[in-house]
Amino acid sequence: MAELVREIKRTSSKWIKRRGMGYFGWQNGYGAFSVCPYHVARVRRYIARQEAHHRKQTFQDEYRGLLDRYGVEYDERYVWD
């Protein structure tokens, strides 16, 4: 997983910088969640509507909710850059 995320961050950063789209930087960490094949369509809809969704609920609040819902222990000091 770490190698995949590293490659995604590397190639997408290069792509954005080559297009002169302004400053861009990834945070240091990442989270990875598996998705049941039956829920793939739902996840795609979420991604397509993400901008509007995050006007109602911040990414941070949503992420905390996922961690709490699935019993993932975390320390706020290390979750956000």
PDB file of N, CA and C in Angstrom:
ATOM      1  N   MET A   1       0.824  -1.180   0.000  1.00  0.00           N
ATOM      2  CA  MET A   1       0.000   0.000   0.000  1.00  0.00           C
ATOM      3  C   MET A   1       0.874   1.251   0.000  1.00  0.00           C
ATOM      4  N   ALA A   2       1.912   1.247   0.822  1.00  0.00           N
ATOM      5  CA  ALA A   2       2.777   2.432   0.910  1.00  0.00           C
ATOM      6  C   ALA A   2       3.414   2.749  -0.442  1.00  0.00           C
ATOM      7  N   GLU A   3       3.846   1.719  -1.158  1.00  0.00           N
ATOM      8  CA  GLU A   3       4.471   1.942  -2.466  1.00  0.00           C
ATOM      9  C   GLU A   3       3.461   2.513  -3.468  1.00  0.00           C
ATOM     10  N   LEU A   4       2.249   2.012  -3.463  1.00  0.00           N
ATOM     11  CA  LEU A   4       1.207   2.515  -4.350  1.00  0.00           C
ATOM     12  C   LEU A   4       0.910   3.987  -4.063  1.00  0.00           C
ATOM     13  N   VAL A   5       0.731   4.343  -2.793  1.00  0.00           N
ATOM     14  CA  VAL A   5       0.440   5.725  -2.420  1.00  0.00           C
ATOM     15  C   VAL A   5       1.607   6.632  -2.800  1.00  0.00           C
ATOM     16  N   ARG A   6       2.815   6.197  -2.560  1.00  0.00           N
ATOM     17  CA  ARG A   6       4.008   6.978  -2.919  1.00  0.00           C
ATOM     18  C   ARG A   6       4.012   7.268  -4.423  1.00  0.00           C
ATOM     19  N   GLU A   7       3.701   6.265  -5.246  1.00  0.00           N
ATOM     20  CA  GLU A   7       3.688   6.437  -6.698  1.00  0.00           C
ATOM     21  C   GLU A   7       2.554   7.372  -7.136  1.00  0.00           C
ATOM     22  N   ILE A   8       1.393   7.246  -6.534  1.00  0.00           N
ATOM     23  CA  ILE A   8       0.272   8.147  -6.853  1.00  0.00           C
ATOM     24  C   ILE A   8       0.638   9.591  -6.511  1.00  0.00           C
ATOM     25  N   LYS A   9       1.201   9.799  -5.349  1.00  0.00           N
ATOM     26  CA  LYS A   9       1.593  11.148  -4.946  1.00  0.00           C
ATOM     27  C   LYS A   9       2.656  11.712  -5.885  1.00  0.00           C
ATOM     28  N   ARG A  10       3.636  10.900  -6.216  1.00  0.00           N
ATOM     29  CA  ARG A  10       4.741  11.352  -7.065  1.00  0.00           C
ATOM     30  C   ARG A  10       4.248  11.738  -8.457  1.00  0.00           C
ATOM     31  N   THR A  11       3.504  10.852  -9.093  1.00  0.00           N
ATOM     32  CA  THR A  11       3.087  11.111 -10.472  1.00  0.00           C
ATOM     33  C   THR A  11       2.036  12.216 -10.557  1.00  0.00           C
ATOM     34  N   SER A  12       1.123  12.275  -9.605  1.00  0.00           N
ATOM     35  CA  SER A  12       0.110  13.331  -9.659  1.00  0.00           C
ATOM     36  C   SER A  12       0.740  14.694  -9.373  1.00  0.00           C
ATOM     37  N   SER A  13       1.716  14.763  -8.486  1.00  0.00           N
ATOM     38  CA  SER A  13       2.407  16.028  -8.224  1.00  0.00           C
ATOM     39  C   SER A  13       3.122  16.521  -9.476  1.00  0.00           C
ATOM     40  N   LYS A  14       3.814  15.625 -10.148  1.00  0.00           N
ATOM     41  CA  LYS A  14       4.493  15.997 -11.400  1.00  0.00           C
ATOM     42  C   LYS A  14       3.489  16.502 -12.432  1.00  0.00           C
ATOM     43  N   TRP A  15       2.374  15.801 -12.576  1.00  0.00           N
ATOM     44  CA  TRP A  15       1.347  16.155 -13.553  1.00  0.00           C
ATOM     45  C   TRP A  15       0.811  17.565 -13.284  1.00  0.00           C
ATOM     46  N   ILE A  16       0.509  17.853 -12.037  1.00  0.00           N
ATOM     47  CA  ILE A  16      -0.032  19.163 -11.656  1.00  0.00           C
ATOM     48  C   ILE A  16       1.008  20.257 -11.890  1.00  0.00           C
ATOM     49  N   LYS A  17       2.233  20.016 -11.499  1.00  0.00           N
ATOM     50  CA  LYS A  17       3.293  21.027 -11.658  1.00  0.00           C
ATOM     51  C   LYS A  17       3.598  21.292 -13.124  1.00  0.00           C
ATOM     52  N   ARG A  18       3.593  20.246 -13.960  1.00  0.00           N
ATOM     53  CA  ARG A  18       3.844  20.434 -15.404  1.00  0.00           C
ATOM     54  C   ARG A  18       2.779  21.311 -16.051  1.00  0.00           C
ATOM     55  N   ARG A  19       1.598  21.283 -15.525  1.00  0.00           N
ATOM     56  CA  ARG A  19       0.504  22.065 -16.095  1.00  0.00           C
ATOM     57  C   ARG A  19       0.399  23.458 -15.498  1.00  0.00           C
ATOM     58  N   GLY A  20       1.323  23.802 -14.621  1.00  0.00           N
ATOM     59  CA  GLY A  20       1.343  25.140 -14.036  1.00  0.00           C
ATOM     60  C   GLY A  20       0.088  25.486 -13.262  1.00  0.00           C
ATOM     61  N   MET A  21      -0.419  24.521 -12.533  1.00  0.00           N
ATOM     62  CA  MET A  21      -1.684  24.711 -11.823  1.00  0.00           C
ATOM     63  C   MET A  21      -1.492  25.332 -10.440  1.00  0.00           C
ATOM     64  N   GLY A  22      -0.358  25.976 -10.209  1.00  0.00           N
ATOM     65  CA  GLY A  22      -0.114  26.621  -8.929  1.00  0.00           C
ATOM     66  C   GLY A  22       0.504  25.671  -7.919  1.00  0.00           C
ATOM     67  N   TYR A  23       0.612  26.151  -6.689  1.00  0.00           N
ATOM     68  CA  TYR A  23       1.234  25.350  -5.639  1.00  0.00           C
ATOM     69  C   TYR A  23       0.383  24.130  -5.337  1.00  0.00           C
ATOM     70  N   PHE A  24       1.054  23.023  -5.162  1.00  0.00           N
ATOM     71  CA  PHE A  24       0.371  21.801  -4.775  1.00  0.00           C
ATOM     72  C   PHE A  24       1.301  20.997  -3.891  1.00  0.00           C
ATOM     73  N   GLY A  25       0.789  20.437  -2.836  1.00  0.00           N
ATOM     74  CA  GLY A  25       1.584  19.581  -1.975  1.00  0.00           C
ATOM     75  C   GLY A  25       0.701  18.569  -1.264  1.00  0.00           C
ATOM     76  N   TRP A  26       1.197  17.380  -1.137  1.00  0.00           N
ATOM     77  CA  TRP A  26       0.495  16.325  -0.418  1.00  0.00           C
ATOM     78  C   TRP A  26       0.836  16.417   1.055  1.00  0.00           C
ATOM     79  N   GLN A  27      -0.087  16.032   1.910  1.00  0.00           N
ATOM     80  CA  GLN A  27       0.245  15.895   3.324  1.00  0.00           C
ATOM     81  C   GLN A  27       1.134  14.663   3.478  1.00  0.00           C
ATOM     82  N   ASN A  28       1.780  14.532   4.610  1.00  0.00           N
ATOM     83  CA  ASN A  28       2.721  13.431   4.812  1.00  0.00           C
ATOM     84  C   ASN A  28       2.040  12.071   4.874  1.00  0.00           C
ATOM     85  N   GLY A  29       0.938  11.973   5.539  1.00  0.00           N
ATOM     86  CA  GLY A  29       0.316  10.671   5.747  1.00  0.00           C
ATOM     87  C   GLY A  29      -0.780  10.359   4.746  1.00  0.00           C
ATOM     88  N   TYR A  30      -1.458   9.265   4.983  1.00  0.00           N
ATOM     89  CA  TYR A  30      -2.591   8.860   4.146  1.00  0.00           C
ATOM     90  C   TYR A  30      -3.404   7.826   4.907  1.00  0.00           C
ATOM     91  N   GLY A  31      -4.594   7.605   4.445  1.00  0.00           N
ATOM     92  CA  GLY A  31      -5.448   6.555   4.988  1.00  0.00           C
ATOM     93  C   GLY A  31      -5.914   5.691   3.837  1.00  0.00           C
ATOM     94  N   ALA A  32      -6.095   4.440   4.081  1.00  0.00           N
ATOM     95  CA  ALA A  32      -6.558   3.521   3.036  1.00  0.00           C
ATOM     96  C   ALA A  32      -7.683   2.666   3.608  1.00  0.00           C
ATOM     97  N   PHE A  33      -8.750   2.551   2.842  1.00  0.00           N
ATOM     98  CA  PHE A  33      -9.900   1.774   3.261  1.00  0.00           C
ATOM     99  C   PHE A  33     -10.295   0.846   2.129  1.00  0.00           C
ATOM    100  N   SER A  34     -10.666  -0.356   2.440  1.00  0.00           N
ATOM    101  CA  SER A  34     -11.161  -1.272   1.410  1.00  0.00           C
ATOM    102  C   SER A  34     -12.656  -1.040   1.220  1.00  0.00           C
ATOM    103  N   VAL A  35     -13.144  -1.420   0.057  1.00  0.00           N
ATOM    104  CA  VAL A  35     -14.552  -1.232  -0.271  1.00  0.00           C
ATOM    105  C   VAL A  35     -15.106  -2.549  -0.789  1.00  0.00           C
ATOM    106  N   CYS A  36     -16.234  -2.938  -0.274  1.00  0.00           N
ATOM    107  CA  CYS A  36     -16.927  -4.124  -0.757  1.00  0.00           C
ATOM    108  C   CYS A  36     -17.285  -3.924  -2.232  1.00  0.00           C
ATOM    109  N   PRO A  37     -17.093  -4.920  -3.073  1.00  0.00           N
ATOM    110  CA  PRO A  37     -17.431  -4.761  -4.496  1.00  0.00           C
ATOM    111  C   PRO A  37     -18.864  -4.285  -4.732  1.00  0.00           C
ATOM    112  N   TYR A  38     -19.767  -4.622  -3.850  1.00  0.00           N
ATOM    113  CA  TYR A  38     -21.159  -4.196  -3.992  1.00  0.00           C
ATOM    114  C   TYR A  38     -21.336  -2.689  -3.793  1.00  0.00           C
ATOM    115  N   HIS A  39     -20.355  -2.036  -3.182  1.00  0.00           N
ATOM    116  CA  HIS A  39     -20.460  -0.609  -2.885  1.00  0.00           C
ATOM    117  C   HIS A  39     -19.639   0.264  -3.827  1.00  0.00           C
ATOM    118  N   VAL A  40     -19.038  -0.300  -4.849  1.00  0.00           N
ATOM    119  CA  VAL A  40     -18.191   0.476  -5.757  1.00  0.00           C
ATOM    120  C   VAL A  40     -18.976   1.608  -6.412  1.00  0.00           C
ATOM    121  N   ALA A  41     -20.178   1.360  -6.881  1.00  0.00           N
ATOM    122  CA  ALA A  41     -20.984   2.412  -7.526  1.00  0.00           C
ATOM    123  C   ALA A  41     -21.257   3.552  -6.543  1.00  0.00           C
ATOM    124  N   ARG A  42     -21.525   3.208  -5.306  1.00  0.00           N
ATOM    125  CA  ARG A  42     -21.782   4.223  -4.278  1.00  0.00           C
ATOM    126  C   ARG A  42     -20.535   5.079  -4.036  1.00  0.00           C
ATOM    127  N   VAL A  43     -19.375   4.448  -3.984  1.00  0.00           N
ATOM    128  CA  VAL A  43     -18.120   5.182  -3.783  1.00  0.00           C
ATOM    129  C   VAL A  43     -17.848   6.099  -4.974  1.00  0.00           C
ATOM    130  N   ARG A  44     -18.103   5.630  -6.173  1.00  0.00           N
ATOM    131  CA  ARG A  44     -17.920   6.476  -7.359  1.00  0.00           C
ATOM    132  C   ARG A  44     -18.826   7.706  -7.307  1.00  0.00           C
ATOM    133  N   ARG A  45     -20.063   7.524  -6.880  1.00  0.00           N
ATOM    134  CA  ARG A  45     -20.986   8.667  -6.750  1.00  0.00           C
ATOM    135  C   ARG A  45     -20.462   9.650  -5.708  1.00  0.00           C
ATOM    136  N   TYR A  46     -19.960   9.110  -4.609  1.00  0.00           N
ATOM    137  CA  TYR A  46     -19.395   9.965  -3.557  1.00  0.00           C
ATOM    138  C   TYR A  46     -18.239  10.793  -4.115  1.00  0.00           C
ATOM    139  N   ILE A  47     -17.345  10.161  -4.838  1.00  0.00           N
ATOM    140  CA  ILE A  47     -16.195  10.873  -5.403  1.00  0.00           C
ATOM    141  C   ILE A  47     -16.665  11.962  -6.362  1.00  0.00           C
ATOM    142  N   ALA A  48     -17.633  11.644  -7.203  1.00  0.00           N
ATOM    143  CA  ALA A  48     -18.144  12.621  -8.172  1.00  0.00           C
ATOM    144  C   ALA A  48     -18.780  13.821  -7.477  1.00  0.00           C
ATOM    145  N   ARG A  49     -19.348  13.612  -6.293  1.00  0.00           N
ATOM    146  CA  ARG A  49     -20.061  14.678  -5.571  1.00  0.00           C
ATOM    147  C   ARG A  49     -19.264  15.230  -4.390  1.00  0.00           C
ATOM    148  N   GLN A  50     -17.997  14.889  -4.325  1.00  0.00           N
ATOM    149  CA  GLN A  50     -17.191  15.205  -3.152  1.00  0.00           C
ATOM    150  C   GLN A  50     -17.117  16.704  -2.857  1.00  0.00           C
ATOM    151  N   GLU A  51     -16.957  17.522  -3.876  1.00  0.00           N
ATOM    152  CA  GLU A  51     -16.836  18.957  -3.644  1.00  0.00           C
ATOM    153  C   GLU A  51     -18.076  19.509  -2.943  1.00  0.00           C
ATOM    154  N   ALA A  52     -19.246  19.167  -3.437  1.00  0.00           N
ATOM    155  CA  ALA A  52     -20.499  19.627  -2.811  1.00  0.00           C
ATOM    156  C   ALA A  52     -20.659  19.024  -1.410  1.00  0.00           C
ATOM    157  N   HIS A  53     -20.304  17.769  -1.269  1.00  0.00           N
ATOM    158  CA  HIS A  53     -20.428  17.088   0.024  1.00  0.00           C
ATOM    159  C   HIS A  53     -19.605  17.799   1.094  1.00  0.00           C
ATOM    160  N   HIS A  54     -18.387  18.221   0.739  1.00  0.00           N
ATOM    161  CA  HIS A  54     -17.507  18.837   1.739  1.00  0.00           C
ATOM    162  C   HIS A  54     -17.858  20.290   2.025  1.00  0.00           C
ATOM    163  N   ARG A  55     -18.851  20.820   1.363  1.00  0.00           N
ATOM    164  CA  ARG A  55     -19.394  22.119   1.770  1.00  0.00           C
ATOM    165  C   ARG A  55     -20.270  21.955   3.006  1.00  0.00           C
ATOM    166  N   LYS A  56     -20.792  20.742   3.209  1.00  0.00           N
ATOM    167  CA  LYS A  56     -21.680  20.454   4.338  1.00  0.00           C
ATOM    168  C   LYS A  56     -20.931  19.840   5.519  1.00  0.00           C
ATOM    169  N   GLN A  57     -19.924  19.046   5.223  1.00  0.00           N
ATOM    170  CA  GLN A  57     -19.145  18.378   6.266  1.00  0.00           C
ATOM    171  C   GLN A  57     -17.683  18.431   5.858  1.00  0.00           C
ATOM    172  N   THR A  58     -16.830  18.888   6.764  1.00  0.00           N
ATOM    173  CA  THR A  58     -15.414  18.980   6.419  1.00  0.00           C
ATOM    174  C   THR A  58     -14.817  17.585   6.234  1.00  0.00           C
ATOM    175  N   PHE A  59     -13.749  17.541   5.466  1.00  0.00           N
ATOM    176  CA  PHE A  59     -13.031  16.280   5.289  1.00  0.00           C
ATOM    177  C   PHE A  59     -12.571  15.749   6.641  1.00  0.00           C
ATOM    178  N   GLN A  60     -12.058  16.637   7.488  1.00  0.00           N
ATOM    179  CA  GLN A  60     -11.555  16.204   8.795  1.00  0.00           C
ATOM    180  C   GLN A  60     -12.655  15.557   9.630  1.00  0.00           C
ATOM    181  N   ASP A  61     -13.826  16.177   9.658  1.00  0.00           N
ATOM    182  CA  ASP A  61     -14.933  15.596  10.425  1.00  0.00           C
ATOM    183  C   ASP A  61     -15.373  14.255   9.841  1.00  0.00           C
ATOM    184  N   GLU A  62     -15.420  14.186   8.530  1.00  0.00           N
ATOM    185  CA  GLU A  62     -15.808  12.930   7.891  1.00  0.00           C
ATOM    186  C   GLU A  62     -14.791  11.822   8.186  1.00  0.00           C
ATOM    187  N   TYR A  63     -13.504  12.152   8.109  1.00  0.00           N
ATOM    188  CA  TYR A  63     -12.443  11.169   8.347  1.00  0.00           C
ATOM    189  C   TYR A  63     -12.476  10.675   9.790  1.00  0.00           C
ATOM    190  N   ARG A  64     -12.633  11.616  10.727  1.00  0.00           N
ATOM    191  CA  ARG A  64     -12.757  11.218  12.132  1.00  0.00           C
ATOM    192  C   ARG A  64     -13.938  10.269  12.323  1.00  0.00           C
ATOM    193  N   GLY A  65     -15.049  10.577  11.664  1.00  0.00           N
ATOM    194  CA  GLY A  65     -16.236   9.731  11.756  1.00  0.00           C
ATOM    195  C   GLY A  65     -15.980   8.324  11.258  1.00  0.00           C
ATOM    196  N   LEU A  66     -15.258   8.213  10.142  1.00  0.00           N
ATOM    197  CA  LEU A  66     -14.913   6.873   9.619  1.00  0.00           C
ATOM    198  C   LEU A  66     -14.036   6.112  10.602  1.00  0.00           C
ATOM    199  N   LEU A  67     -13.026   6.790  11.131  1.00  0.00           N
ATOM    200  CA  LEU A  67     -12.137   6.131  12.093  1.00  0.00           C
ATOM    201  C   LEU A  67     -12.915   5.678  13.324  1.00  0.00           C
ATOM    202  N   ASP A  68     -13.774   6.542  13.826  1.00  0.00           N
ATOM    203  CA  ASP A  68     -14.568   6.195  15.011  1.00  0.00           C
ATOM    204  C   ASP A  68     -15.549   5.065  14.713  1.00  0.00           C
ATOM    205  N   ARG A  69     -16.242   5.150  13.581  1.00  0.00           N
ATOM    206  CA  ARG A  69     -17.255   4.149  13.217  1.00  0.00           C
ATOM    207  C   ARG A  69     -16.653   2.748  13.141  1.00  0.00           C
ATOM    208  N   TYR A  70     -15.431   2.654  12.640  1.00  0.00           N
ATOM    209  CA  TYR A  70     -14.826   1.337  12.455  1.00  0.00           C
ATOM    210  C   TYR A  70     -13.797   0.982  13.525  1.00  0.00           C
ATOM    211  N   GLY A  71     -13.796   1.757  14.613  1.00  0.00           N
ATOM    212  CA  GLY A  71     -12.967   1.420  15.761  1.00  0.00           C
ATOM    213  C   GLY A  71     -11.474   1.534  15.529  1.00  0.00           C
ATOM    214  N   VAL A  72     -11.074   2.459  14.657  1.00  0.00           N
ATOM    215  CA  VAL A  72      -9.649   2.668  14.395  1.00  0.00           C
ATOM    216  C   VAL A  72      -9.127   3.673  15.415  1.00  0.00           C
ATOM    217  N   GLU A  73      -8.154   3.257  16.204  1.00  0.00           N
ATOM    218  CA  GLU A  73      -7.566   4.162  17.188  1.00  0.00           C
ATOM    219  C   GLU A  73      -6.635   5.133  16.477  1.00  0.00           C
ATOM    220  N   TYR A  74      -6.650   6.383  16.928  1.00  0.00           N
ATOM    221  CA  TYR A  74      -5.784   7.398  16.331  1.00  0.00           C
ATOM    222  C   TYR A  74      -5.502   8.477  17.357  1.00  0.00           C
ATOM    223  N   ASP A  75      -4.462   9.226  17.092  1.00  0.00           N
ATOM    224  CA  ASP A  75      -4.071  10.341  17.947  1.00  0.00           C
ATOM    225  C   ASP A  75      -4.129  11.589  17.067  1.00  0.00           C
ATOM    226  N   GLU A  76      -4.971  12.537  17.413  1.00  0.00           N
ATOM    227  CA  GLU A  76      -5.154  13.761  16.631  1.00  0.00           C
ATOM    228  C   GLU A  76      -3.840  14.460  16.293  1.00  0.00           C
ATOM    229  N   ARG A  77      -2.860  14.333  17.169  1.00  0.00           N
ATOM    230  CA  ARG A  77      -1.577  15.008  16.917  1.00  0.00           C
ATOM    231  C   ARG A  77      -0.895  14.486  15.673  1.00  0.00           C
ATOM    232  N   TYR A  78      -1.219  13.273  15.264  1.00  0.00           N
ATOM    233  CA  TYR A  78      -0.521  12.660  14.129  1.00  0.00           C
ATOM    234  C   TYR A  78      -1.394  12.477  12.899  1.00  0.00           C
ATOM    235  N   VAL A  79      -2.653  12.877  12.968  1.00  0.00           N
ATOM    236  CA  VAL A  79      -3.554  12.671  11.841  1.00  0.00           C
ATOM    237  C   VAL A  79      -3.448  13.778  10.818  1.00  0.00           C
ATOM    238  N   TRP A  80      -3.266  15.017  11.271  1.00  0.00           N
ATOM    239  CA  TRP A  80      -3.261  16.179  10.359  1.00  0.00           C
ATOM    240  C   TRP A  80      -1.900  16.830  10.334  1.00  0.00           C
ATOM    241  N   ASP A  81      -1.527  17.329   9.179  1.00  0.00           N
ATOM    242  CA  ASP A  81      -0.263  18.092   9.058  1.00  0.00           C
ATOM    243  C   ASP A  81      -0.454  19.489   9.571  1.00  0.00           C
TER     244      ASP A  81
END
